[in-house]
């Protein structure tokens, strides 16, 4: 069912139609991307859609890359102030889709020594509780007017 939804999304949205996707067991890793950052940025956010087409729940339990620090974070608001926190385990329920997107869950790249520039490719390993590990590439894209969040400013 979720495969149909992901395929429909890919056909409906031009940016996803040209996206690069990965499969790991029942998990689809769809359109991993980061946005270009300012020359002085020390952090950047990564975004991806994960569809679990299986009958078993899974969880994203880690990320690994060539950065001083890279983690899964959650953006939230508390007392009118936007905040972030590290997430040890992000549930990927069976027959469901989890979106890592600006303003919500995201991969946080910390300690950048160089900016992310459009066209760059950022290799990263996603670590799942049950499905295991998969090496993927986040492509650096220009931020559009529809994207929200502040990790590439």
Protein backbone atom coordinates (compact mmCIF):
# COMPACT_ATOMS: atom_id res chain seq x y z
CA UNK A 1 0.00 0.00 0.00
CA UNK A 2 2.73 2.47 0.97
CA UNK A 3 4.65 1.58 -2.20
CA UNK A 4 1.66 2.85 -4.14
CA UNK A 5 1.61 6.03 -2.06
CA UNK A 6 5.34 6.63 -2.53
CA UNK A 7 5.06 5.97 -6.27
CA UNK A 8 2.10 8.34 -6.51
CA UNK A 9 4.08 11.02 -4.66
CA UNK A 10 7.04 10.54 -7.00
CA UNK A 11 4.84 10.95 -10.05
CA UNK A 12 2.95 13.92 -8.63
CA UNK A 13 5.92 15.95 -7.47
CA UNK A 14 8.56 16.80 -10.07
CA UNK A 15 11.31 17.12 -7.48
CA UNK A 16 10.61 13.59 -6.25
CA UNK A 17 10.24 12.16 -9.75
CA UNK A 18 13.96 12.72 -10.34
CA UNK A 19 14.84 11.68 -6.80
CA UNK A 20 17.27 8.98 -5.89
CA UNK A 21 15.77 6.23 -3.76
CA UNK A 22 17.08 3.20 -1.90
CA UNK A 23 15.63 -0.10 -0.65
CA UNK A 24 16.60 -2.02 2.48
CA UNK A 25 14.33 -5.00 3.05
CA UNK A 26 10.82 -3.58 3.40
CA UNK A 27 12.10 -0.02 3.86
CA UNK A 28 12.10 2.54 1.05
CA UNK A 29 14.46 5.48 1.61
CA UNK A 30 13.08 8.23 -0.62
CA UNK A 31 14.79 11.43 -1.80
CA UNK A 32 17.53 12.05 0.80
CA UNK A 33 18.48 15.72 0.54
CA UNK A 34 20.08 18.66 2.31
CA UNK A 35 19.86 22.32 1.46
CA UNK A 36 22.73 24.56 0.51
CA UNK A 37 24.16 26.36 3.55
CA UNK A 38 25.72 29.76 4.09
CA UNK A 39 29.52 29.92 3.88
CA UNK A 40 29.78 30.36 7.66
CA UNK A 41 27.22 27.71 8.68
CA UNK A 42 28.41 25.17 11.21
CA UNK A 43 25.27 22.99 10.96
CA UNK A 44 22.97 21.65 8.27
CA UNK A 45 19.77 19.63 8.19
CA UNK A 46 19.13 16.48 6.18
CA UNK A 47 15.69 15.32 5.10
CA UNK A 48 14.33 12.03 3.77
CA UNK A 49 11.12 10.03 3.57
CA UNK A 50 11.13 6.47 4.91
CA UNK A 51 8.29 4.12 3.92
CA UNK A 52 7.92 0.80 5.71
CA UNK A 53 6.08 -1.55 3.33
CA UNK A 54 6.42 -4.50 5.70
CA UNK A 55 4.33 -5.97 8.46
CA UNK A 56 6.97 -5.40 11.16
CA UNK A 57 7.76 -2.14 12.92
CA UNK A 58 11.34 -0.89 12.65
CA UNK A 59 13.20 2.15 13.95
CA UNK A 60 15.97 4.48 12.81
CA UNK A 61 18.49 4.14 15.65
CA UNK A 62 21.49 5.97 14.28
CA UNK A 63 23.27 7.76 11.48
CA UNK A 64 26.96 7.75 10.65
CA UNK A 65 28.95 10.07 8.43
CA UNK A 66 32.23 11.93 8.03
CA UNK A 67 31.32 14.83 10.34
CA UNK A 68 32.35 15.74 13.87
CA UNK A 69 28.79 14.89 14.90
CA UNK A 70 25.69 13.67 13.04
CA UNK A 71 22.43 12.71 14.78
CA UNK A 72 18.70 12.42 14.29
CA UNK A 73 16.95 15.43 15.85
CA UNK A 74 13.41 16.57 16.46
CA UNK A 75 12.33 20.21 16.21
CA UNK A 76 9.59 21.25 18.62
CA UNK A 77 8.18 24.34 20.30
CA UNK A 78 8.20 24.89 24.05
CA UNK A 79 6.90 28.03 25.75
CA UNK A 80 6.83 29.78 22.37
CA UNK A 81 10.50 28.99 21.68
CA UNK A 82 11.66 26.70 18.86
CA UNK A 83 13.98 24.00 20.16
CA UNK A 84 15.69 20.79 19.05
CA UNK A 85 16.59 17.57 20.76
CA UNK A 86 18.52 14.44 19.86
CA UNK A 87 16.32 11.38 19.18
CA UNK A 88 17.84 8.01 20.12
CA UNK A 89 15.19 5.99 18.28
CA UNK A 90 12.74 7.12 15.59
CA UNK A 91 9.89 4.63 15.13
CA UNK A 92 9.17 3.50 11.57
CA UNK A 93 5.81 1.69 12.00
CA UNK A 94 4.78 -1.15 9.71
CA UNK A 95 2.78 -0.07 6.67
CA UNK A 96 3.48 3.60 7.36
CA UNK A 97 5.56 6.52 6.13
CA UNK A 98 7.80 8.70 8.30
CA UNK A 99 8.90 12.07 6.95
CA UNK A 100 12.10 13.75 8.05
CA UNK A 101 11.33 17.30 6.94
CA UNK A 102 12.06 20.92 7.84
CA UNK A 103 10.39 21.84 11.13
CA UNK A 104 10.18 18.22 12.36
CA UNK A 105 12.48 15.22 12.49
CA UNK A 106 15.74 15.66 10.58
CA UNK A 107 19.34 14.53 10.34
CA UNK A 108 21.53 17.15 12.02
CA UNK A 109 25.03 17.61 10.58
CA UNK A 110 27.21 19.43 13.13
CA UNK A 111 30.70 20.85 12.91
CA UNK A 112 30.68 21.68 9.20
CA UNK A 113 34.07 22.84 7.97
CA UNK A 114 32.78 23.72 4.49
CA UNK A 115 29.33 24.81 3.34
CA UNK A 116 26.95 22.46 1.56
CA UNK A 117 26.80 23.68 -2.04
CA UNK A 118 24.15 22.82 -4.63
CA UNK A 119 25.23 19.70 -6.49
CA UNK A 120 27.34 18.30 -3.64
CA UNK A 121 26.69 14.75 -2.51
CA UNK A 122 26.88 13.83 1.17
CA UNK A 123 27.40 10.11 1.93
CA UNK A 124 25.76 8.84 5.10
CA UNK A 125 24.88 5.50 6.69
CA UNK A 126 21.40 5.01 8.13
CA UNK A 127 21.20 2.41 10.91
CA UNK A 128 17.88 0.63 11.49
CA UNK A 129 17.03 -1.52 14.47
CA UNK A 130 15.83 -4.52 12.42
CA UNK A 131 16.66 -3.89 8.76
CA UNK A 132 20.32 -3.13 9.48
CA UNK A 133 22.50 -0.51 7.79
CA UNK A 134 22.39 1.14 4.39
CA UNK A 135 24.81 3.59 2.78
CA UNK A 136 22.98 6.41 1.00
CA UNK A 137 23.80 9.79 -0.52
CA UNK A 138 22.10 13.04 0.43
CA UNK A 139 22.11 15.43 -2.53
CA UNK A 140 22.48 19.15 -1.86
CA UNK A 141 19.60 21.16 -3.31
CA UNK A 142 18.60 24.80 -3.45
CA UNK A 143 16.02 25.72 -0.82
CA UNK A 144 12.62 26.46 -2.37
CA UNK A 145 9.97 28.80 -0.99
CA UNK A 146 8.01 25.78 0.27
CA UNK A 147 10.79 24.59 2.58
CA UNK A 148 10.74 25.67 6.20
CA UNK A 149 13.34 25.37 8.90
CA UNK A 150 16.62 27.08 9.72
CA UNK A 151 19.38 24.45 9.50
CA UNK A 152 20.84 25.78 6.28
CA UNK A 153 20.81 29.45 7.08
